[in-house]
Amino acid sequence: MSHAPAPTVTNRRLEDGAREFEGIFISQMLETAWSTVPTDGMTGGGMGEEIFRSLMIQDIGQQMARQGGIGLAPHIHAELLKMQEARKP
């Protein structure tokens, strides 16, 4: 039976870091998927659209992670806790 760690500042920071990592991971997946969508046509494409698309994808990835993501953050958090416990004397 696993016991949940006490909510400490360190634990909260690990949770936040795991969630942020998941957001970056999701953004990278979305970036790859969106790279196949053409940018020409009505919007004209160009540098402005590339920059906006990149920022939009990063934001979507972070929002998805904050709303539960794809389930990666809890596993990352658990591994970070294990690593932290292993470092204790």
N, C-alpha and C. Protein backbone atom coordinates (compact mmCIF):
# COMPACT_ATOMS: atom_id res chain seq x y z
N MET A 1 0.84 -1.17 0.00
CA MET A 1 0.00 0.00 0.00
C MET A 1 0.89 1.23 0.00
N SER A 2 0.68 2.13 -0.98
CA SER A 2 1.51 3.33 -1.04
C SER A 2 0.91 4.41 -0.17
N HIS A 3 1.77 5.20 0.36
CA HIS A 3 1.30 6.26 1.24
C HIS A 3 1.59 7.60 0.54
N ALA A 4 0.60 8.46 0.50
CA ALA A 4 0.72 9.75 -0.19
C ALA A 4 1.64 10.66 0.60
N PRO A 5 2.55 11.32 -0.11
CA PRO A 5 3.47 12.22 0.60
C PRO A 5 2.74 13.43 1.15
N ALA A 6 3.24 13.93 2.25
CA ALA A 6 2.66 15.12 2.86
C ALA A 6 2.80 16.30 1.90
N PRO A 7 1.78 17.15 1.81
CA PRO A 7 1.88 18.29 0.89
C PRO A 7 2.89 19.32 1.40
N THR A 8 4.06 19.27 0.86
CA THR A 8 5.11 20.20 1.25
C THR A 8 5.42 21.11 0.07
N VAL A 9 6.19 22.13 0.33
CA VAL A 9 6.60 23.04 -0.75
C VAL A 9 7.36 22.26 -1.81
N THR A 10 8.26 21.37 -1.38
CA THR A 10 9.05 20.58 -2.31
C THR A 10 8.15 19.68 -3.14
N ASN A 11 7.19 19.02 -2.49
CA ASN A 11 6.28 18.15 -3.20
C ASN A 11 5.47 18.94 -4.24
N ARG A 12 5.03 20.12 -3.85
CA ARG A 12 4.26 20.97 -4.76
C ARG A 12 5.11 21.39 -5.95
N ARG A 13 6.36 21.70 -5.69
CA ARG A 13 7.26 22.08 -6.79
C ARG A 13 7.49 20.91 -7.73
N LEU A 14 7.59 19.70 -7.18
CA LEU A 14 7.75 18.52 -8.03
C LEU A 14 6.50 18.30 -8.89
N GLU A 15 5.32 18.48 -8.29
CA GLU A 15 4.07 18.36 -9.06
C GLU A 15 4.03 19.38 -10.18
N ASP A 16 4.38 20.62 -9.86
CA ASP A 16 4.38 21.68 -10.87
C ASP A 16 5.37 21.38 -11.99
N GLY A 17 6.54 20.90 -11.61
CA GLY A 17 7.55 20.56 -12.61
C GLY A 17 7.11 19.42 -13.51
N ALA A 18 6.48 18.41 -12.92
CA ALA A 18 5.98 17.29 -13.71
C ALA A 18 4.90 17.74 -14.67
N ARG A 19 4.02 18.62 -14.21
CA ARG A 19 2.94 19.13 -15.06
C ARG A 19 3.52 19.99 -16.19
N GLU A 20 4.51 20.80 -15.86
CA GLU A 20 5.14 21.64 -16.88
C GLU A 20 5.84 20.78 -17.94
N PHE A 21 6.53 19.74 -17.48
CA PHE A 21 7.18 18.82 -18.41
C PHE A 21 6.15 18.18 -19.33
N GLU A 22 5.02 17.75 -18.76
CA GLU A 22 3.97 17.14 -19.58
C GLU A 22 3.45 18.15 -20.60
N GLY A 23 3.31 19.41 -20.20
CA GLY A 23 2.86 20.43 -21.13
C GLY A 23 3.82 20.61 -22.29
N ILE A 24 5.11 20.59 -22.00
CA ILE A 24 6.12 20.70 -23.06
C ILE A 24 6.05 19.49 -23.98
N PHE A 25 5.89 18.32 -23.39
CA PHE A 25 5.79 17.08 -24.17
C PHE A 25 4.58 17.13 -25.10
N ILE A 26 3.44 17.55 -24.57
CA ILE A 26 2.22 17.66 -25.39
C ILE A 26 2.44 18.68 -26.50
N SER A 27 3.05 19.81 -26.17
CA SER A 27 3.31 20.84 -27.18
C SER A 27 4.18 20.30 -28.31
N GLN A 28 5.18 19.50 -27.98
CA GLN A 28 6.04 18.92 -29.01
C GLN A 28 5.26 17.97 -29.91
N MET A 29 4.37 17.20 -29.31
CA MET A 29 3.53 16.30 -30.12
C MET A 29 2.62 17.10 -31.04
N LEU A 30 2.02 18.16 -30.50
CA LEU A 30 1.13 18.99 -31.31
C LEU A 30 1.90 19.71 -32.41
N GLU A 31 3.10 20.16 -32.10
CA GLU A 31 3.94 20.84 -33.10
C GLU A 31 4.19 19.92 -34.29
N THR A 32 4.48 18.67 -34.00
CA THR A 32 4.71 17.69 -35.07
C THR A 32 3.45 17.47 -35.88
N ALA A 33 2.33 17.33 -35.19
CA ALA A 33 1.06 17.12 -35.90
C ALA A 33 0.69 18.33 -36.76
N TRP A 34 0.86 19.52 -36.22
CA TRP A 34 0.47 20.74 -36.93
C TRP A 34 1.44 21.08 -38.06
N SER A 35 2.63 20.51 -38.04
CA SER A 35 3.60 20.81 -39.10
C SER A 35 3.11 20.33 -40.46
N THR A 36 2.15 19.44 -40.47
CA THR A 36 1.61 18.94 -41.74
C THR A 36 0.47 19.79 -42.27
N VAL A 37 -0.01 20.75 -41.48
CA VAL A 37 -1.11 21.61 -41.89
C VAL A 37 -0.54 22.77 -42.70
N PRO A 38 -0.98 22.93 -43.94
CA PRO A 38 -0.44 24.01 -44.77
C PRO A 38 -0.79 25.39 -44.21
N THR A 39 0.12 26.36 -44.39
CA THR A 39 -0.10 27.71 -43.89
C THR A 39 -0.43 28.70 -45.00
N ASP A 40 -0.50 28.26 -46.23
CA ASP A 40 -0.84 29.19 -47.30
C ASP A 40 -2.36 29.33 -47.40
N GLY A 41 -2.81 30.17 -48.27
CA GLY A 41 -4.25 30.36 -48.43
C GLY A 41 -4.68 31.69 -47.87
N MET A 42 -5.84 31.72 -47.22
CA MET A 42 -6.41 32.97 -46.73
C MET A 42 -5.50 33.70 -45.74
N THR A 43 -4.85 32.95 -44.87
CA THR A 43 -4.02 33.60 -43.85
C THR A 43 -2.67 34.02 -44.38
N GLY A 44 -2.25 33.48 -45.49
CA GLY A 44 -1.02 33.91 -46.13
C GLY A 44 0.26 33.26 -45.63
N GLY A 45 0.22 32.57 -44.50
CA GLY A 45 1.43 31.92 -43.98
C GLY A 45 2.45 32.94 -43.54
N GLY A 46 3.69 32.65 -43.78
CA GLY A 46 4.76 33.59 -43.45
C GLY A 46 5.26 33.48 -42.03
N MET A 47 6.23 34.35 -41.72
CA MET A 47 6.89 34.34 -40.42
C MET A 47 5.91 34.61 -39.28
N GLY A 48 5.00 35.56 -39.46
CA GLY A 48 4.04 35.89 -38.41
C GLY A 48 3.18 34.71 -38.03
N GLU A 49 2.71 33.98 -39.04
CA GLU A 49 1.88 32.82 -38.74
C GLU A 49 2.69 31.72 -38.07
N GLU A 50 3.93 31.55 -38.48
CA GLU A 50 4.78 30.53 -37.84
C GLU A 50 4.96 30.85 -36.35
N ILE A 51 5.23 32.11 -36.05
CA ILE A 51 5.44 32.51 -34.66
C ILE A 51 4.15 32.34 -33.86
N PHE A 52 3.04 32.82 -34.41
CA PHE A 52 1.76 32.71 -33.71
C PHE A 52 1.40 31.25 -33.48
N ARG A 53 1.58 30.43 -34.50
CA ARG A 53 1.25 29.00 -34.38
C ARG A 53 2.07 28.36 -33.28
N SER A 54 3.35 28.67 -33.22
CA SER A 54 4.22 28.09 -32.20
C SER A 54 3.77 28.49 -30.80
N LEU A 55 3.47 29.78 -30.61
CA LEU A 55 3.00 30.26 -29.31
C LEU A 55 1.66 29.63 -28.94
N MET A 56 0.77 29.52 -29.93
CA MET A 56 -0.54 28.93 -29.69
C MET A 56 -0.41 27.46 -29.27
N ILE A 57 0.47 26.73 -29.94
CA ILE A 57 0.66 25.31 -29.62
C ILE A 57 1.26 25.15 -28.23
N GLN A 58 2.21 26.00 -27.85
CA GLN A 58 2.77 25.94 -26.50
C GLN A 58 1.69 26.18 -25.45
N ASP A 59 0.85 27.16 -25.71
CA ASP A 59 -0.22 27.48 -24.76
C ASP A 59 -1.23 26.33 -24.66
N ILE A 60 -1.58 25.76 -25.79
CA ILE A 60 -2.52 24.63 -25.78
C ILE A 60 -1.93 23.47 -24.99
N GLY A 61 -0.65 23.18 -25.19
CA GLY A 61 0.01 22.10 -24.46
C GLY A 61 -0.02 22.32 -22.96
N GLN A 62 0.26 23.55 -22.52
CA GLN A 62 0.24 23.85 -21.09
C GLN A 62 -1.18 23.78 -20.52
N GLN A 63 -2.15 24.26 -21.28
CA GLN A 63 -3.55 24.18 -20.83
C GLN A 63 -4.00 22.73 -20.71
N MET A 64 -3.64 21.92 -21.69
CA MET A 64 -4.01 20.50 -21.63
C MET A 64 -3.39 19.84 -20.41
N ALA A 65 -2.14 20.14 -20.12
CA ALA A 65 -1.47 19.55 -18.95
C ALA A 65 -2.14 19.98 -17.66
N ARG A 66 -2.53 21.25 -17.56
CA ARG A 66 -3.20 21.74 -16.35
C ARG A 66 -4.56 21.08 -16.16
N GLN A 67 -5.18 20.65 -17.23
CA GLN A 67 -6.52 20.07 -17.15
C GLN A 67 -6.48 18.54 -17.13
N GLY A 68 -5.34 17.97 -16.79
CA GLY A 68 -5.24 16.52 -16.68
C GLY A 68 -4.33 15.89 -17.70
N GLY A 69 -4.07 16.58 -18.79
CA GLY A 69 -3.12 16.11 -19.79
C GLY A 69 -3.40 14.72 -20.32
N ILE A 70 -2.33 14.00 -20.53
CA ILE A 70 -2.42 12.64 -21.08
C ILE A 70 -2.01 11.60 -20.04
N GLY A 71 -1.91 12.03 -18.79
CA GLY A 71 -1.60 11.10 -17.71
C GLY A 71 -0.12 10.90 -17.45
N LEU A 72 0.71 11.73 -18.03
CA LEU A 72 2.14 11.59 -17.87
C LEU A 72 2.65 12.21 -16.56
N ALA A 73 2.09 13.34 -16.17
CA ALA A 73 2.57 14.08 -14.99
C ALA A 73 2.58 13.25 -13.70
N PRO A 74 1.52 12.49 -13.39
CA PRO A 74 1.57 11.70 -12.14
C PRO A 74 2.72 10.68 -12.12
N HIS A 75 3.03 10.11 -13.27
CA HIS A 75 4.13 9.14 -13.33
C HIS A 75 5.49 9.83 -13.17
N ILE A 76 5.63 10.98 -13.79
CA ILE A 76 6.86 11.75 -13.64
C ILE A 76 7.02 12.18 -12.19
N HIS A 77 5.95 12.67 -11.58
CA HIS A 77 5.98 13.10 -10.19
C HIS A 77 6.39 11.95 -9.28
N ALA A 78 5.82 10.78 -9.50
CA ALA A 78 6.16 9.61 -8.68
C ALA A 78 7.64 9.26 -8.80
N GLU A 79 8.16 9.32 -10.02
CA GLU A 79 9.58 9.00 -10.22
C GLU A 79 10.48 10.06 -9.58
N LEU A 80 10.07 11.32 -9.66
CA LEU A 80 10.85 12.38 -9.01
C LEU A 80 10.87 12.17 -7.49
N LEU A 81 9.74 11.77 -6.92
CA LEU A 81 9.69 11.49 -5.48
C LEU A 81 10.61 10.33 -5.11
N LYS A 82 10.61 9.29 -5.93
CA LYS A 82 11.49 8.14 -5.69
C LYS A 82 12.96 8.57 -5.71
N MET A 83 13.29 9.39 -6.71
CA MET A 83 14.67 9.87 -6.83
C MET A 83 15.05 10.72 -5.61
N GLN A 84 14.11 11.54 -5.16
CA GLN A 84 14.36 12.39 -4.01
C GLN A 84 14.57 11.54 -2.75
N GLU A 85 13.73 10.52 -2.57
CA GLU A 85 13.86 9.64 -1.41
C GLU A 85 15.17 8.87 -1.44
N ALA A 86 15.61 8.48 -2.62
CA ALA A 86 16.85 7.72 -2.75
C ALA A 86 18.06 8.57 -2.37
N ARG A 87 17.95 9.87 -2.51
CA ARG A 87 19.06 10.76 -2.19
C ARG A 87 19.18 11.06 -0.71
N LYS A 88 18.11 10.77 0.05
CA LYS A 88 18.16 11.04 1.49
C LYS A 88 19.08 10.04 2.18
N PRO A 89 19.84 10.52 3.17
CA PRO A 89 20.78 9.62 3.87
C PRO A 89 20.06 8.60 4.74
